[in-house]
Protein backbone atom coordinates (compact mmCIF):
# COMPACT_ATOMS: atom_id res chain seq x y z
CA SER A 1 -20.15 119.72 -99.29
CA HIS A 2 -22.46 119.11 -102.26
CA LEU A 3 -21.25 122.27 -103.88
CA LYS A 4 -17.58 121.22 -103.50
CA LEU A 5 -18.32 117.81 -105.00
CA ALA A 6 -20.37 119.31 -107.83
CA ALA A 7 -17.60 121.70 -108.62
CA PHE A 8 -14.95 118.86 -108.57
CA ASN A 9 -17.13 116.61 -110.83
CA ASP A 10 -17.83 119.58 -113.08
CA GLN A 11 -14.09 120.38 -113.35
CA MET A 12 -13.22 116.74 -114.17
CA PHE A 13 -15.99 116.63 -116.77
CA THR A 14 -14.71 119.89 -118.40
CA HIS A 15 -11.13 118.51 -118.43
CA ILE A 16 -12.24 115.20 -120.06
CA GLN A 17 -14.47 117.12 -122.46
CA GLY A 18 -11.28 118.63 -124.01
CA GLN A 19 -9.77 115.12 -124.38
CA HIS A 20 -13.07 113.91 -125.87
CA LEU A 21 -13.00 116.64 -128.58
CA GLU A 22 -9.46 115.98 -129.36
CA ASN A 23 -10.15 112.29 -129.69
CA GLN A 24 -13.12 112.87 -131.95
CA GLN A 25 -10.93 114.84 -134.30
CA GLN A 26 -8.27 112.26 -134.42
CA LYS A 27 -10.81 109.56 -135.06
CA LYS A 28 -12.26 111.51 -137.98
CA LEU A 29 -8.89 111.95 -139.45
CA LEU A 30 -8.05 108.25 -139.19
CA GLU A 31 -11.41 107.20 -140.64
CA GLN A 32 -10.96 109.66 -143.56
CA THR A 33 -7.59 108.17 -144.31
CA LYS A 34 -9.08 104.70 -144.09
CA LYS A 35 -11.77 105.65 -146.62
CA MET A 36 -9.25 107.17 -149.00
CA GLN A 37 -7.02 104.16 -148.83
CA LYS A 38 -9.83 101.63 -149.14
CA GLY A 39 -8.85 99.03 -151.73
CA VAL A 40 -5.21 100.11 -151.73
CA GLN A 41 -2.84 97.85 -149.93
CA PHE A 42 0.09 99.66 -148.36
CA LYS A 43 2.86 98.69 -145.97
CA GLY A 44 1.37 100.47 -142.87
CA SER A 45 -2.32 99.39 -143.33
CA SER A 46 -2.23 96.96 -140.37
CA LEU A 47 -0.62 99.64 -138.19
CA HIS A 48 -3.26 102.02 -139.30
CA LYS A 49 -5.99 99.61 -138.27
CA LYS A 50 -4.35 99.03 -134.94
CA SER A 51 -4.23 102.83 -134.39
CA LEU A 52 -7.89 103.17 -135.24
CA ASP A 53 -8.82 100.39 -132.85
CA LEU A 54 -6.77 101.75 -130.05
CA LEU A 55 -8.29 105.23 -130.56
CA GLU A 56 -11.72 103.71 -130.57
CA GLN A 57 -11.08 101.99 -127.27
CA ASN A 58 -9.62 105.22 -125.72
CA TYR A 59 -12.61 107.22 -127.15
CA SER A 60 -15.10 104.70 -125.62
CA LYS A 61 -13.32 104.95 -122.26
CA ILE A 62 -13.35 108.77 -122.25
CA ARG A 63 -17.05 108.89 -123.16
CA LYS A 64 -17.86 106.72 -120.22
CA GLN A 65 -15.73 108.84 -117.81
CA ARG A 66 -17.45 112.03 -119.13
CA ALA A 67 -20.87 110.55 -118.49
CA VAL A 68 -19.94 109.56 -114.94
CA TYR A 69 -18.61 113.06 -114.07
CA LEU A 70 -21.38 114.80 -115.74
CA ARG A 71 -24.13 112.85 -113.88
CA ALA A 72 -22.25 113.35 -110.62
CA ALA A 73 -21.93 117.05 -111.17
CA LEU A 74 -25.59 117.37 -112.01
CA ASP A 75 -26.62 115.29 -109.08
CA HIS A 76 -24.64 117.37 -106.58
CA TYR A 77 -25.76 120.62 -108.06
CA MET A 78 -29.38 119.50 -107.77
CA HIS A 79 -28.78 118.55 -104.09
CA CYS A 80 -27.47 122.12 -103.58
CA ILE A 81 -30.65 123.49 -104.97
CA ALA A 82 -32.84 121.20 -102.94
CA LEU A 83 -30.96 122.12 -99.82
CA ASP A 84 -31.10 125.83 -100.56
CA ALA A 85 -34.83 126.11 -99.95
CA GLY A 86 -35.12 129.61 -101.52
CA GLU A 87 -32.30 131.15 -99.53
CA GLY A 88 -30.34 132.05 -102.56
CA LYS A 89 -27.03 130.58 -101.39
CA TYR A 90 -26.61 128.38 -104.37
CA GLN A 91 -28.03 130.47 -107.17
CA GLY A 92 -25.04 129.65 -109.35
CA ALA A 93 -25.95 125.96 -109.25
CA ILE A 94 -29.07 126.30 -111.41
CA TYR A 95 -27.12 128.26 -114.02
CA ARG A 96 -24.39 125.59 -114.12
CA ILE A 97 -26.98 122.82 -114.36
CA LEU A 98 -28.60 124.59 -117.28
CA HIS A 99 -25.16 125.10 -118.99
CA LEU A 100 -24.11 121.53 -118.54
CA TRP A 101 -27.48 120.13 -119.48
CA PHE A 102 -28.05 122.15 -122.62
CA GLY A 103 -24.42 121.87 -123.66
CA GLN A 104 -24.76 118.18 -124.02
CA LEU A 105 -28.07 117.97 -125.95
CA GLU A 106 -26.15 116.76 -129.10
CA GLU A 107 -24.55 113.85 -127.28
CA SER A 108 -26.85 110.85 -127.42
CA SER A 109 -24.47 108.84 -125.14
CA LEU A 110 -25.11 111.22 -122.28
């Protein structure tokens, strides 16, 4: 059952990872536009700020969800390894742990 829970959390993390990357790109674009338009007052500036604030809230929520799923996946994969006791039933779990762990080294929030 740990393997199934690990796979589920892993799948959810991977799905949310895609949303996270998309939100990062959107956030960068909005911030770049904000910098370019600094000091210039235009009609949609308040709308632009609202969009940036909303995106930041969404981005924060996705980061938290990613961390929860990543930690759960790693925890369940580690339980699989502990229960394996050298039998080799869950060999893939160690490789998945390494992939998840080293794939997130750049993320200070995780």
